[in-house]
């Protein structure tokens, strides 16, 4: 087992566990944090609090997952009844261990366990959070850590493994196969998974994993949509557009999507605009820049209205364990065009019948042509999507599954 930097022997406080008190440990937390796993844990915190659970969030002072700079003040605050305890990020390493591990794997070599430990400790660390868990672990019925790749999860998940739930948000990536994570995947009390494909991947990578339950996620259901208002607010006129929202970065397939969109609209017979919102830079090629609209950060209502106004929602990421934005599109009656490399999103599209998948730029072009040239057929394609979400991924049903799982812990 790799020891988290700054670790010491456990110093459990003498406090009785509260059967209704749980801790959630995300790497970031807040209404202005962009990230699927973090957003879900915030909604879990609010949902369980409303059901009578005493929820504490132990997290960092960071808002940005690129810099991990301390943004929020350290200390304790309350967020809609949820106690939030923030601890400062320590970054006193130079990144060389992370670069070494990446280059080692790029060469097809397997890093040593010492290299893996150095990689985990080279960057984001939160020693004060780790020590708070050491002191307080016995106060909680359960400690939920997520997602698996972060120091907060790796270190926090090994403090009191017998009462820890790992919500891994597992992707098919090289890091998932590092021996470093064996104590996490195999040592916690249980795992909370989102989908069947995530469980299949878990079984493949860690066949001796701890007991796993498919809990899923909940998706808020908007009261209504105003697609006409969205177009008016952002000066989009009547031209059909496709939409991408979230993190504009390589890990989410953004650059590949932008390239594929550019190749398609350069042919001049596909009348589509690409509208995007979220975080990260948007750098379209100069010749198609007028066909790409970046809205930056938007409100939840604007997001919902934009999804409803779109001819299709684009999901270019291959690394998904659930894909909340796909569910938001289907709730709004909007078809989905998704990267077939994502086993999870392909599974959703197959089960719902409300989406198209593509393997390459030629496939992507055909999908874009379909929604541009046959909007009625595209609308019909999307129709079963709303029932799929309502039948499987509402918050009441998800919280029921979470409560049953928590109450089953001794």
Protein backbone atom coordinates (compact mmCIF):
# COMPACT_ATOMS: atom_id res chain seq x y z
CA UNK A 1 0.00 0.00 0.00
CA UNK A 2 1.28 3.47 -0.86
CA UNK A 3 1.32 5.83 2.10
CA UNK A 4 -0.11 9.30 1.45
CA UNK A 5 2.50 11.99 1.95
CA UNK A 6 2.28 13.59 5.41
CA UNK A 7 0.43 10.56 6.78
CA UNK A 8 0.77 9.52 10.41
CA UNK A 9 -0.66 6.81 12.63
CA UNK A 10 -4.48 6.97 13.00
CA UNK A 11 -5.69 9.26 15.79
CA UNK A 12 -9.37 8.35 15.95
CA UNK A 13 -11.37 10.70 18.11
CA UNK A 14 -13.39 9.23 20.92
CA UNK A 15 -16.85 9.90 19.47
CA UNK A 16 -19.80 7.64 18.90
CA UNK A 17 -20.83 7.02 15.32
CA UNK A 18 -24.09 8.65 14.29
CA UNK A 19 -26.12 6.16 12.27
CA UNK A 20 -27.39 9.02 10.10
CA UNK A 21 -24.12 10.94 9.68
CA UNK A 22 -22.08 10.49 6.52
CA UNK A 23 -19.07 12.18 4.97
CA UNK A 24 -18.69 12.95 1.27
CA UNK A 25 -15.15 13.55 -0.01
CA UNK A 26 -14.97 15.17 -3.47
CA UNK A 27 -11.83 16.98 -4.70
CA UNK A 28 -13.88 20.15 -5.34
CA UNK A 29 -17.27 21.37 -4.21
CA UNK A 30 -19.48 24.36 -4.96
CA UNK A 31 -22.18 25.79 -7.22
CA UNK A 32 -19.55 27.22 -9.58
CA UNK A 33 -17.51 24.02 -9.90
CA UNK A 34 -17.68 22.44 -13.37
CA UNK A 35 -17.36 18.66 -13.17
CA UNK A 36 -19.82 15.78 -13.34
CA UNK A 37 -18.66 13.81 -10.31
CA UNK A 38 -18.48 16.94 -8.15
CA UNK A 39 -21.92 18.12 -9.26
CA UNK A 40 -23.48 14.75 -8.48
CA UNK A 41 -22.00 14.63 -4.96
CA UNK A 42 -23.34 18.11 -4.26
CA UNK A 43 -26.82 16.99 -5.30
CA UNK A 44 -26.42 13.81 -3.23
CA UNK A 45 -25.49 15.99 -0.24
CA UNK A 46 -28.61 18.12 -0.63
CA UNK A 47 -30.85 15.15 -1.37
CA UNK A 48 -29.77 13.08 1.61
CA UNK A 49 -29.89 16.11 3.91
CA UNK A 50 -33.50 16.65 2.89
CA UNK A 51 -34.19 13.03 3.86
CA UNK A 52 -32.85 13.49 7.37
CA UNK A 53 -29.21 12.48 6.97
CA UNK A 54 -26.49 14.56 8.60
CA UNK A 55 -24.10 15.20 5.72
CA UNK A 56 -20.61 16.64 5.99
CA UNK A 57 -18.52 17.43 2.93
CA UNK A 58 -14.75 17.33 3.35
CA UNK A 59 -13.11 18.95 0.35
CA UNK A 60 -10.42 21.31 -0.85
CA UNK A 61 -10.24 25.07 -1.25
CA UNK A 62 -9.78 24.64 -5.03
CA UNK A 63 -12.24 25.54 -7.76
CA UNK A 64 -10.19 24.95 -10.93
CA UNK A 65 -9.09 21.38 -11.66
CA UNK A 66 -6.27 22.56 -13.95
CA UNK A 67 -4.43 24.77 -11.46
CA UNK A 68 -5.76 23.44 -8.13
CA UNK A 69 -5.14 26.93 -6.78
CA UNK A 70 -6.75 27.62 -3.42
CA UNK A 71 -9.80 29.75 -4.21
CA UNK A 72 -12.29 29.34 -1.38
CA UNK A 73 -11.26 30.18 2.20
CA UNK A 74 -10.37 27.29 4.46
CA UNK A 75 -12.82 26.53 7.23
CA UNK A 76 -16.40 25.40 7.78
CA UNK A 77 -19.49 26.78 6.06
CA UNK A 78 -23.05 25.57 5.50
CA UNK A 79 -24.52 24.94 2.03
CA UNK A 80 -28.30 24.43 2.16
CA UNK A 81 -28.06 22.47 5.39
CA UNK A 82 -24.85 20.63 4.40
CA UNK A 83 -21.75 21.21 6.53
CA UNK A 84 -18.81 21.95 4.22
CA UNK A 85 -15.28 21.68 5.61
CA UNK A 86 -12.58 23.03 3.29
CA UNK A 87 -8.88 22.35 3.57
CA UNK A 88 -6.01 24.01 1.66
CA UNK A 89 -4.32 22.30 -1.25
CA UNK A 90 -0.57 21.81 -0.93
CA UNK A 91 1.43 21.86 -4.16
CA UNK A 92 5.14 21.75 -3.42
CA UNK A 93 6.35 19.34 -6.11
CA UNK A 94 7.56 20.07 -9.63
CA UNK A 95 5.46 17.64 -11.69
CA UNK A 96 8.42 15.53 -12.77
CA UNK A 97 7.05 12.31 -11.25
CA UNK A 98 3.80 12.71 -13.18
CA UNK A 99 5.69 13.40 -16.38
CA UNK A 100 7.90 10.35 -15.80
CA UNK A 101 4.94 8.02 -15.30
CA UNK A 102 3.25 9.32 -18.45
CA UNK A 103 6.39 8.95 -20.56
CA UNK A 104 6.98 5.46 -19.15
CA UNK A 105 3.50 4.33 -20.16
CA UNK A 106 3.81 6.08 -23.54
CA UNK A 107 6.82 3.84 -24.22
CA UNK A 108 4.72 0.78 -23.46
CA UNK A 109 6.52 0.13 -20.17
CA UNK A 110 4.84 -0.48 -16.85
CA UNK A 111 5.81 1.94 -14.06
CA UNK A 112 7.16 0.58 -10.81
CA UNK A 113 5.11 0.88 -7.66
CA UNK A 114 7.59 3.50 -6.42
CA UNK A 115 6.96 5.54 -9.57
CA UNK A 116 3.22 5.15 -9.08
CA UNK A 117 3.44 6.37 -5.47
CA UNK A 118 5.55 9.34 -6.54
CA UNK A 119 3.03 10.11 -9.29
CA UNK A 120 0.12 10.15 -6.83
CA UNK A 121 1.97 12.50 -4.45
CA UNK A 122 3.25 14.80 -7.21
CA UNK A 123 0.64 17.54 -7.43
CA UNK A 124 -2.61 18.00 -5.57
CA UNK A 125 -2.33 16.94 -1.90
CA UNK A 126 -4.48 17.93 1.05
CA UNK A 127 -2.77 16.74 4.26
CA UNK A 128 -5.16 18.60 6.57
CA UNK A 129 -8.15 16.84 5.01
CA UNK A 130 -6.42 13.48 5.45
CA UNK A 131 -5.75 14.19 9.13
CA UNK A 132 -9.33 15.38 9.66
CA UNK A 133 -10.53 11.99 8.40
CA UNK A 134 -8.06 10.24 10.68
CA UNK A 135 -9.52 12.14 13.62
CA UNK A 136 -13.18 11.88 12.68
CA UNK A 137 -13.69 8.65 10.72
CA UNK A 138 -15.46 6.91 13.60
CA UNK A 139 -18.09 9.67 13.68
CA UNK A 140 -19.52 8.59 10.34
CA UNK A 141 -21.70 5.69 9.33
CA UNK A 142 -20.08 5.90 5.90
CA UNK A 143 -17.41 7.89 4.07
CA UNK A 144 -18.10 8.30 0.34
CA UNK A 145 -15.04 9.13 -1.78
CA UNK A 146 -15.11 10.03 -5.49
CA UNK A 147 -13.77 9.94 -8.20
CA UNK A 148 -10.99 7.36 -8.00
CA UNK A 149 -8.10 9.21 -9.73
CA UNK A 150 -7.65 12.01 -7.20
CA UNK A 151 -5.40 12.16 -4.14
CA UNK A 152 -8.37 13.02 -1.95
CA UNK A 153 -10.03 9.73 -2.92
CA UNK A 154 -6.87 7.62 -2.84
CA UNK A 155 -5.71 8.87 0.56
CA UNK A 156 -9.13 9.39 2.14
CA UNK A 157 -10.39 6.02 0.96
CA UNK A 158 -7.78 4.15 2.99
CA UNK A 159 -8.30 5.84 6.36
CA UNK A 160 -11.27 3.69 7.43
CA UNK A 161 -11.83 1.26 4.54
CA UNK A 162 -14.40 -0.79 6.45
CA UNK A 163 -16.83 2.13 6.39
CA UNK A 164 -15.78 3.66 3.08
CA UNK A 165 -17.78 3.65 -0.17
CA UNK A 166 -15.87 4.30 -3.37
CA UNK A 167 -17.81 5.93 -6.20
CA UNK A 168 -15.05 5.51 -8.80
CA UNK A 169 -16.54 6.99 -12.00
CA UNK A 170 -14.32 4.43 -13.69
CA UNK A 171 -13.05 4.97 -17.24
CA UNK A 172 -11.07 2.66 -19.51
CA UNK A 173 -7.77 4.50 -19.09
CA UNK A 174 -4.22 3.39 -18.40
CA UNK A 175 -4.11 4.77 -14.87
CA UNK A 176 -7.02 2.54 -13.82
CA UNK A 177 -4.74 -0.48 -14.14
CA UNK A 178 -2.00 0.77 -11.82
CA UNK A 179 -1.35 -1.53 -8.86
CA UNK A 180 -1.42 1.60 -6.71
CA UNK A 181 -5.21 1.44 -6.74
CA UNK A 182 -5.57 -2.18 -5.62
CA UNK A 183 -6.06 -1.27 -1.92
CA UNK A 184 -8.75 1.19 -2.95
CA UNK A 185 -10.78 -1.00 -5.30
CA UNK A 186 -10.29 -4.13 -3.23
CA UNK A 187 -10.25 -2.75 0.30
CA UNK A 188 -13.28 -0.50 0.72
CA UNK A 189 -16.59 -1.68 2.11
CA UNK A 190 -18.36 -1.32 -1.23
CA UNK A 191 -18.42 0.51 -4.54
CA UNK A 192 -21.22 2.60 -6.02
CA UNK A 193 -21.36 2.32 -9.81
CA UNK A 194 -23.36 4.16 -12.44
CA UNK A 195 -24.00 1.65 -15.25
CA UNK A 196 -23.64 -1.96 -16.36
CA UNK A 197 -20.69 -1.12 -18.67
CA UNK A 198 -18.86 0.44 -15.73
CA UNK A 199 -19.34 -2.78 -13.76
CA UNK A 200 -18.08 -4.82 -16.75
CA UNK A 201 -14.94 -2.67 -16.85
CA UNK A 202 -14.47 -3.00 -13.10
CA UNK A 203 -14.75 -6.80 -13.34
CA UNK A 204 -12.16 -6.81 -16.13
CA UNK A 205 -9.59 -4.58 -14.42
CA UNK A 206 -10.09 -5.56 -10.78
CA UNK A 207 -11.79 -8.98 -10.65
CA UNK A 208 -11.20 -9.20 -6.89
CA UNK A 209 -12.87 -5.86 -6.22
CA UNK A 210 -15.01 -5.11 -3.19
CA UNK A 211 -18.77 -5.67 -3.44
CA UNK A 212 -20.28 -3.34 -6.04
CA UNK A 213 -23.79 -1.98 -6.46
CA UNK A 214 -25.21 -0.12 -9.45
CA UNK A 215 -26.67 3.01 -7.91
CA UNK A 216 -26.78 5.23 -10.96
CA UNK A 217 -27.27 8.98 -10.84
CA UNK A 218 -30.22 11.28 -10.60
CA UNK A 219 -30.95 14.03 -13.11
CA UNK A 220 -33.10 17.02 -12.17
CA UNK A 221 -36.20 17.36 -14.35
CA UNK A 222 -36.79 20.98 -15.46
CA UNK A 223 -40.27 22.44 -15.05
CA UNK A 224 -40.16 23.71 -18.62
CA UNK A 225 -38.01 24.99 -21.48
CA UNK A 226 -37.79 28.24 -23.45
CA UNK A 227 -35.84 27.46 -26.65
CA UNK A 228 -37.15 30.58 -28.42
CA UNK A 229 -35.95 32.77 -25.57
CA UNK A 230 -32.54 31.10 -25.66
CA UNK A 231 -32.11 31.89 -29.34
CA UNK A 232 -33.17 35.49 -28.77
CA UNK A 233 -30.89 36.01 -25.76
CA UNK A 234 -27.84 34.82 -27.67
CA UNK A 235 -28.62 36.22 -31.11
CA UNK A 236 -28.72 32.81 -32.78
CA UNK A 237 -31.49 33.55 -35.26
CA UNK A 238 -33.19 30.65 -37.00
CA UNK A 239 -30.15 28.65 -38.17
CA UNK A 240 -30.11 25.15 -36.68
CA UNK A 241 -27.29 24.43 -34.26
CA UNK A 242 -25.73 21.49 -32.50
CA UNK A 243 -24.63 21.86 -28.90
CA UNK A 244 -21.75 20.77 -26.68
CA UNK A 245 -21.56 21.70 -23.00
CA UNK A 246 -18.97 21.01 -20.32
CA UNK A 247 -15.20 20.91 -20.22
CA UNK A 248 -13.59 22.00 -23.50
CA UNK A 249 -10.42 19.92 -23.30
CA UNK A 250 -8.71 16.98 -24.97
CA UNK A 251 -9.73 14.48 -22.30
CA UNK A 252 -13.37 15.12 -23.22
CA UNK A 253 -12.81 14.85 -26.98
CA UNK A 254 -13.40 18.55 -27.60
CA UNK A 255 -10.57 19.15 -30.09
CA UNK A 256 -11.52 16.08 -32.13
CA UNK A 257 -15.13 17.22 -32.20
CA UNK A 258 -14.15 20.69 -33.35
CA UNK A 259 -11.99 19.22 -36.12
CA UNK A 260 -14.77 16.90 -37.28
CA UNK A 261 -17.33 19.71 -37.26
CA UNK A 262 -14.97 21.93 -39.27
CA UNK A 263 -14.43 19.24 -41.93
CA UNK A 264 -18.18 18.86 -42.32
CA UNK A 265 -19.24 22.51 -42.56
CA UNK A 266 -16.37 23.37 -44.92
CA UNK A 267 -18.34 21.46 -47.54
CA UNK A 268 -20.83 24.35 -47.40
CA UNK A 269 -23.94 22.21 -47.82
CA UNK A 270 -24.42 21.47 -44.12
CA UNK A 271 -26.20 24.42 -42.56
CA UNK A 272 -25.27 24.09 -38.90
CA UNK A 273 -23.69 26.18 -36.18
CA UNK A 274 -21.85 24.69 -33.21
CA UNK A 275 -22.84 26.32 -29.91
CA UNK A 276 -20.83 25.49 -26.80
CA UNK A 277 -20.76 26.48 -23.16
CA UNK A 278 -18.60 25.52 -20.19
CA UNK A 279 -14.96 25.92 -19.21
CA UNK A 280 -11.82 25.71 -21.31
CA UNK A 281 -10.60 27.48 -24.42
CA UNK A 282 -12.48 27.43 -27.73
CA UNK A 283 -10.17 27.88 -30.72
CA UNK A 284 -11.96 27.10 -33.97
CA UNK A 285 -10.06 27.35 -37.27
CA UNK A 286 -10.30 30.88 -38.67
CA UNK A 287 -12.31 29.84 -41.72
CA UNK A 288 -15.18 28.40 -39.68
CA UNK A 289 -14.93 30.65 -36.60
CA UNK A 290 -18.22 32.34 -37.56
CA UNK A 291 -19.94 28.94 -37.24
CA UNK A 292 -18.82 28.38 -33.63
CA UNK A 293 -20.47 30.29 -30.77
CA UNK A 294 -18.89 30.15 -27.30
CA UNK A 295 -21.25 31.16 -24.49
CA UNK A 296 -18.82 30.51 -21.65
CA UNK A 297 -20.49 29.75 -18.34
CA UNK A 298 -24.29 29.80 -18.40
CA UNK A 299 -27.05 29.45 -15.81
CA UNK A 300 -28.87 26.17 -15.29
CA UNK A 301 -31.96 27.63 -16.96
CA UNK A 302 -29.94 28.79 -19.96
CA UNK A 303 -28.35 25.35 -20.19
CA UNK A 304 -31.75 23.66 -20.21
CA UNK A 305 -33.19 26.10 -22.74
CA UNK A 306 -30.12 25.67 -24.96
CA UNK A 307 -30.40 21.90 -24.94
CA UNK A 308 -34.07 22.18 -25.92
CA UNK A 309 -33.25 24.58 -28.76
CA UNK A 310 -30.49 22.43 -30.25
CA UNK A 311 -30.91 20.20 -33.30
CA UNK A 312 -28.73 17.64 -31.47
CA UNK A 313 -26.51 17.36 -28.44
CA UNK A 314 -22.93 16.21 -29.13
CA UNK A 315 -21.07 13.91 -26.72
CA UNK A 316 -17.52 13.43 -28.07
CA UNK A 317 -15.99 11.96 -24.91
CA UNK A 318 -14.84 8.35 -24.79
CA UNK A 319 -14.26 8.60 -21.02
CA UNK A 320 -17.71 8.55 -19.46
CA UNK A 321 -19.09 6.55 -16.56
CA UNK A 322 -22.60 8.03 -16.88
CA UNK A 323 -22.93 11.22 -19.03
CA UNK A 324 -25.40 13.50 -17.36
CA UNK A 325 -25.53 15.91 -20.31
CA UNK A 326 -26.89 13.13 -22.52
CA UNK A 327 -29.74 12.66 -20.04
CA UNK A 328 -30.42 16.41 -19.99
CA UNK A 329 -30.68 16.35 -23.79
CA UNK A 330 -33.16 13.48 -23.80
CA UNK A 331 -35.30 15.12 -21.12
CA UNK A 332 -35.55 18.12 -23.45
CA UNK A 333 -36.52 15.98 -26.44
CA UNK A 334 -33.18 16.48 -28.21
CA UNK A 335 -31.35 13.66 -30.03
CA UNK A 336 -27.79 12.74 -29.09
CA UNK A 337 -24.78 12.22 -31.37
CA UNK A 338 -22.09 10.40 -29.40
CA UNK A 339 -18.62 8.96 -29.74
CA UNK A 340 -19.01 5.19 -30.14
CA UNK A 341 -15.74 4.69 -28.25
CA UNK A 342 -17.66 5.36 -25.03
CA UNK A 343 -19.09 2.00 -24.00
CA UNK A 344 -21.36 3.73 -21.49
CA UNK A 345 -22.90 6.27 -23.86
CA UNK A 346 -23.25 3.68 -26.62
CA UNK A 347 -25.08 1.50 -24.09
CA UNK A 348 -27.43 4.36 -23.22
CA UNK A 349 -28.09 5.02 -26.92
CA UNK A 350 -28.81 1.35 -27.59
CA UNK A 351 -31.14 0.99 -24.60
CA UNK A 352 -33.03 4.20 -25.23
CA UNK A 353 -33.05 4.19 -29.03
CA UNK A 354 -32.70 7.98 -28.84
CA UNK A 355 -29.17 8.54 -30.07
CA UNK A 356 -26.68 8.04 -32.88
CA UNK A 357 -23.05 7.02 -32.47
CA UNK A 358 -20.04 7.63 -34.70
CA UNK A 359 -16.69 5.89 -35.08
CA UNK A 360 -14.84 8.49 -37.16
CA UNK A 361 -15.20 11.84 -38.91
CA UNK A 362 -17.07 10.29 -41.83
CA UNK A 363 -19.68 8.88 -39.45
CA UNK A 364 -19.86 12.19 -37.60
CA UNK A 365 -20.53 13.97 -40.90
CA UNK A 366 -23.42 11.63 -41.69
CA UNK A 367 -24.91 12.22 -38.24
CA UNK A 368 -24.63 15.99 -38.63
CA UNK A 369 -26.18 15.82 -42.09
CA UNK A 370 -29.07 13.79 -40.70
CA UNK A 371 -30.05 16.36 -38.07
CA UNK A 372 -29.53 19.25 -40.52
CA UNK A 373 -31.48 17.72 -43.41
CA UNK A 374 -34.16 15.69 -41.61
CA UNK A 375 -35.11 17.62 -38.47
CA UNK A 376 -38.46 15.86 -38.22
CA UNK A 377 -36.84 12.44 -38.22
CA UNK A 378 -34.26 13.65 -35.68
CA UNK A 379 -37.03 14.85 -33.37
CA UNK A 380 -38.76 11.48 -33.69
CA UNK A 381 -35.49 9.71 -32.90
CA UNK A 382 -35.16 11.63 -29.66
CA UNK A 383 -38.70 10.97 -28.43
CA UNK A 384 -38.08 7.78 -26.38
CA UNK A 385 -35.16 9.45 -24.59
CA UNK A 386 -37.28 11.32 -22.07
CA UNK A 387 -39.07 8.18 -20.88
CA UNK A 388 -35.71 6.40 -20.65
CA UNK A 389 -34.40 9.02 -18.22
CA UNK A 390 -37.61 9.19 -16.20
CA UNK A 391 -37.75 5.41 -15.92
CA UNK A 392 -34.15 5.01 -14.77
CA UNK A 393 -32.45 8.15 -13.50
CA UNK A 394 -34.63 10.38 -11.34
CA UNK A 395 -33.26 11.63 -8.03
CA UNK A 396 -35.98 10.05 -5.85
CA UNK A 397 -35.17 6.57 -7.21
CA UNK A 398 -31.41 7.16 -7.00
CA UNK A 399 -31.59 8.40 -3.42
CA UNK A 400 -33.75 5.39 -2.52
CA UNK A 401 -30.95 3.11 -3.75
CA UNK A 402 -28.32 5.11 -1.88
CA UNK A 403 -30.28 5.04 1.37
CA UNK A 404 -30.82 1.29 1.11
CA UNK A 405 -27.11 0.79 0.54
CA UNK A 406 -26.14 3.05 3.47
CA UNK A 407 -28.63 1.40 5.82
CA UNK A 408 -27.24 -2.03 4.91
CA UNK A 409 -23.83 -1.06 6.29
CA UNK A 410 -23.24 -2.32 9.79
